[in-house]
Amino acid sequence: MGDTVTRAHLSEAVYQEVGLSRNESAELVELVLAEIADSLAKGDTVKLSSFGSFSVRKKGGRMGRNPKTGEEVPIKPRRVLVFRPSHVLKERINSALSGQSAAAE
């Protein structure tokens, strides 16, 4: 299976592809991620063409159950982050997956 992509991986990719210095690449990645996080914190939707969209959804309070004890526990209202992949990303993932399964046989 694949590795986890980190900020360091992203800044290295920017360094390799764009040709900025390593420090400038790391700063650019940080600025982009901060802008995305700030927009989501304000409740805005972030759409990245050919990748997908991130949005914040409000979930109401409800009664939950502790699976270990069976005790009912109130769950407070909260906001959750939702990611919807684009059709382009879905197709890319599925074509890569079908290529792996054919190679494994």
C-alpha atoms as a PDB file:
ATOM      1  CA  MET A   1       0.000   0.000   0.000  1.00  0.00           C
ATOM      2  CA  GLY A   2       1.072   3.642  -0.336  1.00  0.00           C
ATOM      3  CA  ASP A   3       2.774   5.938   2.122  1.00  0.00           C
ATOM      4  CA  THR A   4       1.265   8.954   3.821  1.00  0.00           C
ATOM      5  CA  VAL A   5       1.803  12.232   1.972  1.00  0.00           C
ATOM      6  CA  THR A   6       3.101  14.890   4.368  1.00  0.00           C
ATOM      7  CA  ARG A   7       3.727  18.619   4.130  1.00  0.00           C
ATOM      8  CA  ALA A   8       7.388  17.773   3.532  1.00  0.00           C
ATOM      9  CA  HIS A   9       6.422  15.576   0.562  1.00  0.00           C
ATOM     10  CA  LEU A  10       4.265  18.356  -0.870  1.00  0.00           C
ATOM     11  CA  SER A  11       6.950  21.019  -0.484  1.00  0.00           C
ATOM     12  CA  GLU A  12       9.537  18.686  -2.042  1.00  0.00           C
ATOM     13  CA  ALA A  13       7.200  18.125  -5.009  1.00  0.00           C
ATOM     14  CA  VAL A  14       6.795  21.904  -5.418  1.00  0.00           C
ATOM     15  CA  TYR A  15      10.581  22.276  -5.204  1.00  0.00           C
ATOM     16  CA  GLN A  16      11.104  19.618  -7.909  1.00  0.00           C
ATOM     17  CA  GLU A  17       8.320  20.757 -10.264  1.00  0.00           C
ATOM     18  CA  VAL A  18       8.292  24.547  -9.921  1.00  0.00           C
ATOM     19  CA  GLY A  19      11.922  25.253  -9.167  1.00  0.00           C
ATOM     20  CA  LEU A  20      11.435  27.456  -6.127  1.00  0.00           C
ATOM     21  CA  SER A  21      13.930  27.090  -3.310  1.00  0.00           C
ATOM     22  CA  ARG A  22      13.139  24.498  -0.650  1.00  0.00           C
ATOM     23  CA  ASN A  23      12.270  27.245   1.843  1.00  0.00           C
ATOM     24  CA  GLU A  24      10.019  29.044  -0.646  1.00  0.00           C
ATOM     25  CA  SER A  25       8.337  25.747  -1.561  1.00  0.00           C
ATOM     26  CA  ALA A  26       7.637  24.933   2.085  1.00  0.00           C
ATOM     27  CA  GLU A  27       6.298  28.456   2.646  1.00  0.00           C
ATOM     28  CA  LEU A  28       4.017  28.179  -0.405  1.00  0.00           C
ATOM     29  CA  VAL A  29       2.581  24.856   0.799  1.00  0.00           C
ATOM     30  CA  GLU A  30       1.985  26.355   4.258  1.00  0.00           C
ATOM     31  CA  LEU A  31       0.241  29.399   2.776  1.00  0.00           C
ATOM     32  CA  VAL A  32      -2.057  27.260   0.602  1.00  0.00           C
ATOM     33  CA  LEU A  33      -2.972  24.948   3.488  1.00  0.00           C
ATOM     34  CA  ALA A  34      -3.560  27.918   5.806  1.00  0.00           C
ATOM     35  CA  GLU A  35      -5.843  29.565   3.239  1.00  0.00           C
ATOM     36  CA  ILE A  36      -7.848  26.342   2.863  1.00  0.00           C
ATOM     37  CA  ALA A  37      -8.122  25.926   6.649  1.00  0.00           C
ATOM     38  CA  ASP A  38      -9.151  29.581   7.160  1.00  0.00           C
ATOM     39  CA  SER A  39     -11.833  29.344   4.479  1.00  0.00           C
ATOM     40  CA  LEU A  40     -13.248  26.165   5.992  1.00  0.00           C
ATOM     41  CA  ALA A  41     -13.204  27.667   9.489  1.00  0.00           C
ATOM     42  CA  LYS A  42     -15.370  30.536   8.145  1.00  0.00           C
ATOM     43  CA  GLY A  43     -17.809  27.950   6.765  1.00  0.00           C
ATOM     44  CA  ASP A  44     -16.881  28.475   3.101  1.00  0.00           C
ATOM     45  CA  THR A  45     -16.661  25.651   0.568  1.00  0.00           C
ATOM     46  CA  VAL A  46     -13.228  25.034  -0.991  1.00  0.00           C
ATOM     47  CA  LYS A  47     -13.316  23.643  -4.536  1.00  0.00           C
ATOM     48  CA  LEU A  48     -10.149  22.382  -6.207  1.00  0.00           C
ATOM     49  CA  SER A  49     -10.685  21.738  -9.907  1.00  0.00           C
ATOM     50  CA  SER A  50     -10.189  18.088 -10.958  1.00  0.00           C
ATOM     51  CA  PHE A  51      -9.639  17.145  -7.306  1.00  0.00           C
ATOM     52  CA  GLY A  52     -12.767  17.751  -5.258  1.00  0.00           C
ATOM     53  CA  SER A  53     -14.447  20.022  -2.774  1.00  0.00           C
ATOM     54  CA  PHE A  54     -14.208  20.437   0.972  1.00  0.00           C
ATOM     55  CA  SER A  55     -17.174  21.785   2.908  1.00  0.00           C
ATOM     56  CA  VAL A  56     -18.330  22.105   6.495  1.00  0.00           C
ATOM     57  CA  ARG A  57     -21.632  20.522   7.493  1.00  0.00           C
ATOM     58  CA  LYS A  58     -23.522  21.172  10.711  1.00  0.00           C
ATOM     59  CA  LYS A  59     -24.689  18.115  12.633  1.00  0.00           C
ATOM     60  CA  GLY A  60     -27.344  18.470  15.257  1.00  0.00           C
ATOM     61  CA  GLY A  61     -27.196  17.096  18.759  1.00  0.00           C
ATOM     62  CA  ARG A  62     -28.510  13.606  19.383  1.00  0.00           C
ATOM     63  CA  MET A  63     -28.468  10.785  21.881  1.00  0.00           C
ATOM     64  CA  GLY A  64     -25.731   8.206  21.355  1.00  0.00           C
ATOM     65  CA  ARG A  65     -24.895   5.001  23.123  1.00  0.00           C
ATOM     66  CA  ASN A  66     -21.621   3.926  24.677  1.00  0.00           C
ATOM     67  CA  PRO A  67     -20.987   0.579  22.942  1.00  0.00           C
ATOM     68  CA  LYS A  68     -19.081  -0.801  25.918  1.00  0.00           C
ATOM     69  CA  THR A  69     -21.599  -0.050  28.670  1.00  0.00           C
ATOM     70  CA  GLY A  70     -24.788   0.525  26.689  1.00  0.00           C
ATOM     71  CA  GLU A  71     -25.279   3.807  28.565  1.00  0.00           C
ATOM     72  CA  GLU A  72     -26.996   6.611  26.637  1.00  0.00           C
ATOM     73  CA  VAL A  73     -24.788   9.658  26.168  1.00  0.00           C
ATOM     74  CA  PRO A  74     -25.752  13.036  24.677  1.00  0.00           C
ATOM     75  CA  ILE A  75     -23.723  14.033  21.605  1.00  0.00           C
ATOM     76  CA  LYS A  76     -23.405  17.819  21.247  1.00  0.00           C
ATOM     77  CA  PRO A  77     -24.094  19.653  17.978  1.00  0.00           C
ATOM     78  CA  ARG A  78     -20.931  20.099  15.960  1.00  0.00           C
ATOM     79  CA  ARG A  79     -19.503  20.939  12.564  1.00  0.00           C
ATOM     80  CA  VAL A  80     -17.825  18.244  10.489  1.00  0.00           C
ATOM     81  CA  LEU A  81     -15.543  18.451   7.478  1.00  0.00           C
ATOM     82  CA  VAL A  82     -16.809  16.731   4.335  1.00  0.00           C
ATOM     83  CA  PHE A  83     -14.766  15.930   1.228  1.00  0.00           C
ATOM     84  CA  ARG A  84     -16.424  15.115  -2.081  1.00  0.00           C
ATOM     85  CA  PRO A  85     -13.979  13.910  -4.738  1.00  0.00           C
ATOM     86  CA  SER A  86     -14.424  15.102  -8.318  1.00  0.00           C
ATOM     87  CA  HIS A  87     -15.322  12.674 -11.079  1.00  0.00           C
ATOM     88  CA  VAL A  88     -11.821  13.184 -12.503  1.00  0.00           C
ATOM     89  CA  LEU A  89     -10.225  12.077  -9.206  1.00  0.00           C
ATOM     90  CA  LYS A  90     -12.594   9.113  -8.875  1.00  0.00           C
ATOM     91  CA  GLU A  91     -11.759   7.937 -12.397  1.00  0.00           C
ATOM     92  CA  ARG A  92      -8.032   8.355 -11.769  1.00  0.00           C
ATOM     93  CA  ILE A  93      -8.204   6.330  -8.542  1.00  0.00           C
ATOM     94  CA  ASN A  94     -10.296   3.590 -10.117  1.00  0.00           C
ATOM     95  CA  SER A  95      -8.077   3.327 -13.197  1.00  0.00           C
ATOM     96  CA  ALA A  96      -4.986   3.113 -10.963  1.00  0.00           C
ATOM     97  CA  LEU A  97      -6.727   0.469  -8.850  1.00  0.00           C
ATOM     98  CA  SER A  98      -7.678  -1.627 -11.890  1.00  0.00           C
ATOM     99  CA  GLY A  99      -4.074  -1.355 -13.124  1.00  0.00           C
ATOM    100  CA  GLN A 100      -2.766  -2.658  -9.777  1.00  0.00           C
ATOM    101  CA  SER A 101      -5.165  -5.599  -9.664  1.00  0.00           C
ATOM    102  CA  ALA A 102      -4.242  -6.610 -13.220  1.00  0.00           C
ATOM    103  CA  ALA A 103      -0.522  -6.440 -12.332  1.00  0.00           C
ATOM    104  CA  ALA A 104      -1.070  -8.553  -9.195  1.00  0.00           C
ATOM    105  CA  GLU A 105      -2.586 -11.439 -11.146  1.00  0.00           C
END
